[in-house]
Amino acid sequence: MEQKKEISFIYERNKDSKTVPANGAYGGPAPDNSGVIVHFYLEYASIPHSTDIPFKPDQTTIDPKAGRNISRGDYTREVQASVFMSAESAITIGKWLINKGEIINARKRGENPNPSDFE
């Protein structure tokens, strides 16, 4: 009997999954060293928590420029998704991400690399 020399994987999207933007990540080893947790976030300039605009009871209009913004900080990091993975998976995925980033950088330099050249 001939042994199978390939294994196939089917990719299916979970009905609840969605694509989210991320331009940063924060995390590290779990406290019990069981794996790595990473929180992917989108970072942007913060909008004010609120704005106080003074007015008098007899005013019919308000001047938005006379307001005072209540700050929430300079930037907001909005967590888009959190992922827990084994150390082995974190290393494998990290190498995969570096590889894909190198392909994009080569394309930006005007090169047309074959993705298999980076494996």
Protein backbone atom coordinates (compact mmCIF):
# COMPACT_ATOMS: atom_id res chain seq x y z
CA MET A 1 0.00 0.00 0.00
CA GLU A 2 1.46 3.37 -1.07
CA GLN A 3 1.67 5.99 1.65
CA LYS A 4 0.16 9.39 1.03
CA LYS A 5 2.85 12.01 0.40
CA GLU A 6 0.70 15.10 0.84
CA ILE A 7 -1.69 16.53 3.34
CA SER A 8 -4.28 19.09 2.35
CA PHE A 9 -5.81 21.89 4.37
CA ILE A 10 -9.10 23.61 3.63
CA TYR A 11 -9.42 27.26 4.67
CA GLU A 12 -12.83 28.25 5.99
CA ARG A 13 -13.78 31.59 7.48
CA ASN A 14 -15.54 31.56 10.82
CA LYS A 15 -18.89 33.34 10.37
CA ASP A 16 -17.95 35.74 13.19
CA SER A 17 -14.48 36.62 11.84
CA LYS A 18 -13.72 39.98 10.33
CA THR A 19 -10.72 41.83 8.99
CA VAL A 20 -9.55 44.57 11.33
CA PRO A 21 -6.88 47.24 10.87
CA ALA A 22 -3.83 47.17 13.11
CA ASN A 23 -0.71 49.33 13.12
CA GLY A 24 0.77 48.11 16.38
CA ALA A 25 0.80 45.35 18.95
CA TYR A 26 1.40 44.97 22.66
CA GLY A 27 1.76 41.88 24.79
CA GLY A 28 4.21 39.23 25.88
CA PRO A 29 4.53 35.93 27.69
CA ALA A 30 1.59 34.77 29.77
CA PRO A 31 2.33 34.93 33.52
CA ASP A 32 2.47 31.13 33.71
CA ASN A 33 4.66 30.90 30.56
CA SER A 34 1.98 28.83 28.82
CA GLY A 35 2.14 30.99 25.70
CA VAL A 36 2.21 34.46 24.25
CA ILE A 37 -0.65 36.93 24.24
CA VAL A 38 -0.69 39.80 21.77
CA HIS A 39 -3.16 42.66 21.56
CA PHE A 40 -3.31 44.19 18.08
CA TYR A 41 -4.28 47.84 18.17
CA LEU A 42 -5.05 50.75 15.89
CA GLU A 43 -3.28 53.93 16.97
CA TYR A 44 -4.56 57.39 16.13
CA ALA A 45 -4.71 60.95 17.48
CA SER A 46 -7.22 61.09 20.32
CA ILE A 47 -10.41 63.02 20.07
CA PRO A 48 -11.47 64.94 23.18
CA HIS A 49 -13.45 63.11 25.83
CA SER A 50 -15.86 65.99 25.77
CA THR A 51 -16.11 69.71 25.06
CA ASP A 52 -17.52 72.33 27.42
CA ILE A 53 -18.94 75.37 25.63
CA PRO A 54 -20.07 78.26 27.81
CA PHE A 55 -23.33 80.04 27.05
CA LYS A 56 -25.74 82.43 28.72
CA PRO A 57 -29.47 81.78 29.06
CA ASP A 58 -30.31 84.63 26.65
CA GLN A 59 -27.96 83.36 23.88
CA THR A 60 -29.53 81.98 20.74
CA THR A 61 -26.29 80.57 19.29
CA ILE A 62 -23.12 79.14 20.74
CA ASP A 63 -19.53 79.75 19.69
CA PRO A 64 -17.78 76.37 19.34
CA LYS A 65 -14.39 78.12 19.37
CA ALA A 66 -15.07 79.37 22.89
CA GLY A 67 -15.20 75.79 24.13
CA ARG A 68 -12.75 73.87 26.25
CA ASN A 69 -11.84 70.33 25.28
CA ILE A 70 -11.44 67.74 28.02
CA SER A 71 -8.44 65.70 26.90
CA ARG A 72 -8.11 61.93 26.98
CA GLY A 73 -4.44 61.89 26.06
CA ASP A 74 -2.51 62.62 22.90
CA TYR A 75 -3.08 59.27 21.21
CA THR A 76 -5.53 56.40 21.50
CA ARG A 77 -4.59 52.75 21.07
CA GLU A 78 -7.82 50.93 20.32
CA VAL A 79 -7.41 47.17 20.76
CA GLN A 80 -8.86 45.47 17.68
CA ALA A 81 -8.17 41.84 18.57
CA SER A 82 -6.28 39.77 21.12
CA VAL A 83 -4.59 36.47 20.29
CA PHE A 84 -3.14 33.77 22.53
CA MET A 85 -0.68 31.30 21.01
CA SER A 86 2.01 28.83 22.00
CA ALA A 87 5.63 29.95 22.00
CA GLU A 88 6.27 27.74 18.99
CA SER A 89 3.38 29.30 17.07
CA ALA A 90 4.54 32.81 18.00
CA ILE A 91 8.01 32.10 16.58
CA THR A 92 6.63 30.50 13.41
CA ILE A 93 4.13 33.31 12.81
CA GLY A 94 6.77 35.95 13.58
CA LYS A 95 9.11 34.50 10.95
CA TRP A 96 6.21 34.30 8.47
CA LEU A 97 5.34 37.98 9.06
CA ILE A 98 8.98 39.04 8.60
CA ASN A 99 9.09 37.10 5.35
CA LYS A 100 5.97 38.79 4.01
CA GLY A 101 7.26 42.22 5.07
CA GLU A 102 10.53 41.58 3.18
CA ILE A 103 8.55 40.75 0.03
CA ILE A 104 6.65 44.03 0.28
CA ASN A 105 9.85 46.02 0.86
CA ALA A 106 11.47 44.38 -2.18
CA ARG A 107 8.43 45.33 -4.28
CA LYS A 108 8.67 48.93 -3.02
CA ARG A 109 12.30 48.98 -4.25
CA GLY A 110 10.99 48.08 -7.70
CA GLU A 111 11.96 44.44 -7.51
CA ASN A 112 9.50 41.74 -8.50
CA PRO A 113 10.51 38.89 -6.22
CA ASN A 114 9.07 35.44 -6.30
CA PRO A 115 7.62 34.85 -2.81
CA SER A 116 9.32 31.44 -2.72
CA ASP A 117 12.69 33.25 -2.86
CA PHE A 118 12.04 34.41 0.70
CA GLU A 119 11.21 31.03 2.20
